[in-house]
């Protein structure tokens, strides 16, 4: 067995798979600021990159290699001379994953396996893998003073519009911050794939002596999101609707709570994980540590883009694969990485709104919703 690892240094060559994507492009820019040299491997999927060309927002110093992470020959070329790897390449989207199963599984699982095999005999110092809060399913809950597992919401409950999960004895629950100690409760093919990615990378790292960290991102938002992709982050979907003078569409009653973390904070978390050893071999939450309802975030976005008169459209429907509440406990990130979110939601949304000025979005939300309904994936 060949052991890898070594000391972090800022002039290192780093490969970012999926490196032309929204979050990864911010990570690349942050690392370049620190003196790293960045190569990005990306398939430039048209659903994310409308013209399938090099994105204008990608830092000019990023060396972009167009290719599929499942293509071993392409991955081998991308890994030449690389010191550390940041693995973002994945199909992203809970709803779409529930009917595009083969492609999501192929990219997220098979692609990760190809990457890891290609890394096997190379002197890789560090591996980061981008995971997701979706692996938790429902977040953590309390009944009185006790932490309890939420009972999965059944079809009858959802058809009656009873959105809140209950405890094992039918008791009312209060959502609380979700820590890494909560067992996974996978509720979508996307979540299953992200969990497989993090486990594969951590097992590989332990076996081959490569310090590896799996970062579970909560709801990341900020400039450069794919506004025309109806399966991207919820803030980008809402923004795409507002840019077309249409109301944001909200499932259930809009009171489901999430943790919205600014992409600049996420990029800094990746930088810390690449340079510091405290989280090696672990899964770490990266979020804001705060929660907000989906309805509230839609209303706040409408306000900051000057469309206060646009009321969100709350459709009272359930989308299979969705969960009710999940927001992060980031104590471990603080302890192991020295991570501290710096961008508050209000400041981040103003920055996001400024970037939105002049952006063009093709609104595919109604088509995507109809697709899910035709397949029986909404109630």
Foldseek 3Di string as FASTA:
>chain_A
DAAAADADDLQFEEEEELCQADLNQLLCVVSVVSNYQYEYEYQLDCLQNVVSDRDPSRPPRYHYDHDALLDLVSLLVRCVRHAAYEYDWFDFFFQVCQPVVVVRCCRLQNSLVSNLVSCQPPRHHAYEYEAAPLQAFAAWKDQVNDIFDFDDDDPVCLVVLVAATAGPVRHHIDGDAHFPPRHGDHFGSNSVSRVNNQVVQLVSCVVRNHFYEYEHEWQEDAPPGRLANLRHGQVSLQLQQVVVVHAAEAERQQFFKTFYAYSNLVSVLVVLVSRFRQRTSHYAYDTQNDMDTRQVLSCLLCVLLVNNVHHHHYPNKAFGRHHRYHYHDRVSSCVRRVRHGDADPNNRSNNRSVSSVPDHYDNCNVVSVVVRVVVVRMD
